[in-house]
N, C-alpha and C. Protein backbone atom coordinates (compact mmCIF):
# COMPACT_ATOMS: atom_id res chain seq x y z
N MET A 1 193.39 -153.53 266.92
CA MET A 1 194.66 -154.12 267.25
C MET A 1 195.53 -154.26 266.01
N TRP A 2 194.93 -154.64 264.87
CA TRP A 2 195.71 -154.82 263.65
C TRP A 2 196.38 -153.51 263.25
N LEU A 3 195.63 -152.39 263.34
CA LEU A 3 196.22 -151.10 262.99
C LEU A 3 197.35 -150.75 263.94
N PHE A 4 197.19 -151.06 265.22
CA PHE A 4 198.24 -150.80 266.19
C PHE A 4 199.50 -151.58 265.81
N LEU A 5 199.36 -152.87 265.53
CA LEU A 5 200.51 -153.68 265.14
C LEU A 5 201.13 -153.17 263.85
N GLN A 6 200.26 -152.79 262.92
CA GLN A 6 200.75 -152.33 261.62
C GLN A 6 201.58 -151.06 261.79
N ARG A 7 201.13 -150.14 262.62
CA ARG A 7 201.83 -148.86 262.77
C ARG A 7 203.08 -148.97 263.65
N ARG A 8 203.02 -149.78 264.69
CA ARG A 8 204.10 -149.81 265.68
C ARG A 8 205.22 -150.81 265.36
N LEU A 9 204.86 -151.96 264.84
CA LEU A 9 205.85 -153.03 264.75
C LEU A 9 206.43 -153.24 263.36
N LEU A 10 205.71 -152.86 262.33
CA LEU A 10 206.17 -153.14 260.98
C LEU A 10 206.94 -151.96 260.40
N PRO A 11 208.00 -152.23 259.65
CA PRO A 11 208.67 -151.15 258.94
C PRO A 11 207.75 -150.61 257.84
N VAL A 12 208.12 -149.47 257.28
CA VAL A 12 207.28 -148.81 256.27
C VAL A 12 206.97 -149.74 255.11
N ARG A 13 207.97 -150.47 254.62
CA ARG A 13 207.74 -151.39 253.50
C ARG A 13 206.73 -152.47 253.89
N GLY A 14 206.84 -153.00 255.09
CA GLY A 14 205.90 -154.02 255.58
C GLY A 14 204.49 -153.48 255.67
N ARG A 15 204.36 -152.21 256.05
CA ARG A 15 203.03 -151.60 256.12
C ARG A 15 202.38 -151.54 254.75
N ARG A 16 203.18 -151.20 253.73
CA ARG A 16 202.64 -151.15 252.36
C ARG A 16 202.18 -152.53 251.91
N VAL A 17 202.97 -153.54 252.19
CA VAL A 17 202.61 -154.91 251.82
C VAL A 17 201.32 -155.31 252.52
N CYS A 18 201.18 -154.98 253.80
CA CYS A 18 199.97 -155.32 254.54
C CYS A 18 198.75 -154.61 253.96
N LYS A 19 198.92 -153.34 253.58
CA LYS A 19 197.80 -152.60 252.98
C LYS A 19 197.36 -153.26 251.68
N LEU A 20 198.31 -153.61 250.82
CA LEU A 20 197.97 -154.25 249.56
C LEU A 20 197.31 -155.60 249.80
N PHE A 21 197.86 -156.37 250.72
CA PHE A 21 197.30 -157.68 251.05
C PHE A 21 195.86 -157.54 251.52
N CYS A 22 195.63 -156.64 252.48
CA CYS A 22 194.27 -156.45 253.02
C CYS A 22 193.32 -155.94 251.95
N ARG A 23 193.77 -155.00 251.14
CA ARG A 23 192.90 -154.45 250.10
C ARG A 23 192.49 -155.53 249.11
N PHE A 24 193.45 -156.34 248.66
CA PHE A 24 193.15 -157.39 247.68
C PHE A 24 192.24 -158.46 248.27
N TYR A 25 192.60 -159.00 249.43
CA TYR A 25 191.84 -160.11 249.99
C TYR A 25 190.49 -159.69 250.55
N CYS A 26 190.38 -158.50 251.09
CA CYS A 26 189.08 -158.04 251.60
C CYS A 26 188.11 -157.84 250.44
N GLN A 27 188.58 -157.29 249.32
CA GLN A 27 187.70 -157.09 248.18
C GLN A 27 187.34 -158.42 247.54
N ALA A 28 188.27 -159.36 247.48
CA ALA A 28 187.98 -160.67 246.89
C ALA A 28 186.94 -161.40 247.73
N ALA A 29 187.02 -161.25 249.04
CA ALA A 29 186.06 -161.91 249.91
C ALA A 29 184.66 -161.34 249.72
N LYS A 30 184.56 -160.07 249.38
CA LYS A 30 183.25 -159.45 249.17
C LYS A 30 182.61 -159.91 247.86
N ARG A 31 183.41 -160.30 246.87
CA ARG A 31 182.87 -160.68 245.56
C ARG A 31 182.42 -162.13 245.50
N ASP A 32 183.14 -163.02 246.12
CA ASP A 32 182.91 -164.45 245.94
C ASP A 32 181.86 -164.99 246.91
N THR A 33 181.11 -165.96 246.44
CA THR A 33 180.22 -166.73 247.31
C THR A 33 180.82 -168.12 247.43
N ILE A 34 181.01 -168.55 248.65
CA ILE A 34 181.68 -169.81 248.92
C ILE A 34 180.67 -170.83 249.42
N PHE A 35 180.74 -172.03 248.89
CA PHE A 35 179.91 -173.15 249.35
C PHE A 35 180.86 -174.19 249.92
N ALA A 36 180.64 -174.58 251.17
CA ALA A 36 181.54 -175.55 251.81
C ALA A 36 180.72 -176.68 252.41
N LEU A 37 181.07 -177.90 252.06
CA LEU A 37 180.43 -179.08 252.63
C LEU A 37 181.25 -179.50 253.85
N SER A 38 180.61 -179.50 255.00
CA SER A 38 181.31 -179.80 256.25
C SER A 38 180.73 -181.05 256.89
N SER A 39 180.77 -182.14 256.17
CA SER A 39 180.22 -183.40 256.65
C SER A 39 181.35 -184.39 256.88
N GLY A 40 181.02 -185.46 257.59
CA GLY A 40 181.98 -186.52 257.76
C GLY A 40 182.21 -187.26 256.46
N GLN A 41 183.28 -188.04 256.39
CA GLN A 41 183.56 -188.79 255.18
C GLN A 41 182.71 -190.05 255.15
N GLY A 42 182.34 -190.46 253.95
CA GLY A 42 181.52 -191.66 253.80
C GLY A 42 180.08 -191.40 254.20
N LYS A 43 179.40 -192.43 254.67
CA LYS A 43 178.01 -192.27 255.10
C LYS A 43 177.99 -191.62 256.49
N CYS A 44 177.18 -190.61 256.62
CA CYS A 44 177.05 -189.95 257.91
C CYS A 44 175.62 -189.45 258.08
N GLY A 45 175.20 -189.28 259.31
CA GLY A 45 173.83 -188.90 259.60
C GLY A 45 173.55 -187.42 259.47
N VAL A 46 174.59 -186.60 259.48
CA VAL A 46 174.41 -185.16 259.44
C VAL A 46 175.29 -184.57 258.35
N ALA A 47 174.71 -183.70 257.55
CA ALA A 47 175.48 -182.96 256.54
C ALA A 47 175.31 -181.47 256.81
N VAL A 48 176.39 -180.74 256.71
CA VAL A 48 176.35 -179.30 256.90
C VAL A 48 176.85 -178.65 255.62
N ILE A 49 176.03 -177.75 255.07
CA ILE A 49 176.43 -176.97 253.90
C ILE A 49 176.48 -175.53 254.35
N ARG A 50 177.65 -174.93 254.25
CA ARG A 50 177.81 -173.54 254.68
C ARG A 50 178.04 -172.68 253.45
N THR A 51 177.28 -171.60 253.36
CA THR A 51 177.50 -170.64 252.28
C THR A 51 177.90 -169.32 252.90
N SER A 52 178.75 -168.61 252.20
CA SER A 52 179.22 -167.32 252.68
C SER A 52 179.48 -166.43 251.48
N GLY A 53 179.00 -165.21 251.51
CA GLY A 53 179.24 -164.28 250.42
C GLY A 53 177.97 -163.59 249.96
N PRO A 54 178.10 -162.75 248.93
CA PRO A 54 176.98 -161.92 248.51
C PRO A 54 175.78 -162.68 247.96
N ALA A 55 175.95 -163.87 247.41
CA ALA A 55 174.83 -164.61 246.83
C ALA A 55 174.27 -165.67 247.80
N SER A 56 174.68 -165.63 249.06
CA SER A 56 174.20 -166.61 250.03
C SER A 56 172.70 -166.54 250.23
N TYR A 57 172.16 -165.35 250.28
CA TYR A 57 170.72 -165.17 250.46
C TYR A 57 169.96 -165.82 249.32
N SER A 58 170.37 -165.56 248.09
CA SER A 58 169.71 -166.16 246.92
C SER A 58 169.86 -167.68 246.92
N ALA A 59 171.04 -168.17 247.29
CA ALA A 59 171.27 -169.62 247.34
C ALA A 59 170.36 -170.27 248.38
N LEU A 60 170.18 -169.61 249.50
CA LEU A 60 169.29 -170.14 250.54
C LEU A 60 167.86 -170.24 250.03
N LEU A 61 167.39 -169.21 249.36
CA LEU A 61 166.02 -169.23 248.83
C LEU A 61 165.87 -170.29 247.74
N CYS A 62 166.88 -170.45 246.90
CA CYS A 62 166.81 -171.48 245.84
C CYS A 62 166.83 -172.88 246.42
N MET A 63 167.67 -173.11 247.41
CA MET A 63 167.80 -174.45 247.98
C MET A 63 166.59 -174.85 248.82
N THR A 64 165.89 -173.87 249.38
CA THR A 64 164.72 -174.20 250.21
C THR A 64 163.43 -174.07 249.43
N GLY A 65 163.48 -173.49 248.23
CA GLY A 65 162.29 -173.36 247.40
C GLY A 65 161.24 -172.43 247.98
N THR A 66 161.67 -171.46 248.79
CA THR A 66 160.73 -170.53 249.40
C THR A 66 161.03 -169.11 248.96
N LYS A 67 160.10 -168.22 249.23
CA LYS A 67 160.30 -166.81 248.90
C LYS A 67 160.74 -166.01 250.12
N GLU A 68 160.58 -166.59 251.29
CA GLU A 68 160.94 -165.92 252.53
C GLU A 68 162.05 -166.70 253.24
N PRO A 69 163.08 -166.01 253.70
CA PRO A 69 164.12 -166.72 254.47
C PRO A 69 163.60 -167.03 255.87
N PRO A 70 164.26 -167.95 256.56
CA PRO A 70 163.87 -168.19 257.95
C PRO A 70 164.23 -166.97 258.81
N LEU A 71 163.67 -166.92 259.99
CA LEU A 71 164.04 -165.82 260.89
C LEU A 71 165.53 -165.88 261.17
N PRO A 72 166.20 -164.74 261.25
CA PRO A 72 167.64 -164.74 261.51
C PRO A 72 167.97 -165.44 262.83
N ARG A 73 169.04 -166.22 262.79
CA ARG A 73 169.58 -166.92 263.96
C ARG A 73 168.58 -167.88 264.61
N THR A 74 167.67 -168.43 263.82
CA THR A 74 166.67 -169.37 264.32
C THR A 74 166.68 -170.62 263.45
N ALA A 75 166.79 -171.79 264.07
CA ALA A 75 166.77 -173.05 263.31
C ALA A 75 165.33 -173.33 262.87
N THR A 76 165.16 -173.55 261.57
CA THR A 76 163.84 -173.78 260.98
C THR A 76 163.90 -175.03 260.12
N LEU A 77 162.91 -175.91 260.25
CA LEU A 77 162.85 -177.11 259.43
C LEU A 77 162.31 -176.73 258.05
N ARG A 78 163.10 -177.03 257.01
CA ARG A 78 162.71 -176.70 255.64
C ARG A 78 163.01 -177.87 254.71
N ARG A 79 162.34 -177.88 253.57
CA ARG A 79 162.67 -178.84 252.52
C ARG A 79 163.90 -178.33 251.78
N ILE A 80 164.80 -179.23 251.46
CA ILE A 80 165.98 -178.89 250.67
C ILE A 80 165.71 -179.39 249.26
N CYS A 81 165.74 -178.47 248.29
CA CYS A 81 165.37 -178.79 246.91
C CYS A 81 166.55 -178.62 245.97
N ASP A 82 166.50 -179.32 244.86
CA ASP A 82 167.44 -179.12 243.76
C ASP A 82 167.02 -177.82 243.07
N PRO A 83 167.88 -176.80 243.03
CA PRO A 83 167.48 -175.51 242.44
C PRO A 83 167.10 -175.59 240.96
N SER A 84 167.67 -176.53 240.22
CA SER A 84 167.38 -176.59 238.79
C SER A 84 166.08 -177.33 238.49
N SER A 85 165.76 -178.37 239.26
CA SER A 85 164.55 -179.16 238.95
C SER A 85 163.45 -179.00 239.99
N SER A 86 163.73 -178.35 241.10
CA SER A 86 162.79 -178.19 242.23
C SER A 86 162.42 -179.52 242.87
N GLU A 87 163.19 -180.57 242.59
CA GLU A 87 162.97 -181.88 243.21
C GLU A 87 163.37 -181.81 244.68
N ILE A 88 162.53 -182.34 245.55
CA ILE A 88 162.84 -182.34 246.97
C ILE A 88 163.91 -183.40 247.24
N LEU A 89 165.02 -182.97 247.80
CA LEU A 89 166.14 -183.87 248.09
C LEU A 89 166.08 -184.41 249.52
N ASP A 90 165.68 -183.55 250.45
CA ASP A 90 165.70 -183.93 251.86
C ASP A 90 165.00 -182.84 252.66
N ARG A 91 164.90 -183.06 253.95
CA ARG A 91 164.46 -182.03 254.88
C ARG A 91 165.61 -181.75 255.82
N GLY A 92 165.71 -180.52 256.28
CA GLY A 92 166.81 -180.21 257.18
C GLY A 92 166.59 -178.93 257.94
N LEU A 93 167.41 -178.73 258.94
CA LEU A 93 167.38 -177.50 259.70
C LEU A 93 168.18 -176.45 258.95
N VAL A 94 167.58 -175.29 258.79
CA VAL A 94 168.21 -174.19 258.06
C VAL A 94 168.41 -173.05 259.05
N LEU A 95 169.61 -172.52 259.08
CA LEU A 95 169.90 -171.35 259.89
C LEU A 95 170.44 -170.25 258.98
N TRP A 96 170.01 -169.04 259.23
CA TRP A 96 170.46 -167.91 258.42
C TRP A 96 171.01 -166.84 259.34
N PHE A 97 172.26 -166.45 259.08
CA PHE A 97 172.92 -165.40 259.85
C PHE A 97 173.22 -164.25 258.89
N PRO A 98 172.32 -163.27 258.77
CA PRO A 98 172.58 -162.17 257.84
C PRO A 98 173.79 -161.35 258.31
N GLY A 99 174.55 -160.87 257.33
CA GLY A 99 175.75 -160.12 257.68
C GLY A 99 175.76 -158.73 257.16
């Protein structure tokens, strides 16, 4: 659909801008690994840490202190560790969605 809109609705100059925009942002998204904390403010019972990007797999292994990732798309109870000291911080459900 994006290509259809790009070819049919945008003038030639707009198409060039869209190509540059897509090329820059798509490549930037492939390089960066993003860590996002998606928890409530203050004290809350559930914390969600979402990682996205090329180093997500390594981050998952470091944070869980294991050599094997959980099965894809399956919630698995794992220990959450400090990657630098290997101190156990908590236990939690870990989900891995390989891309």
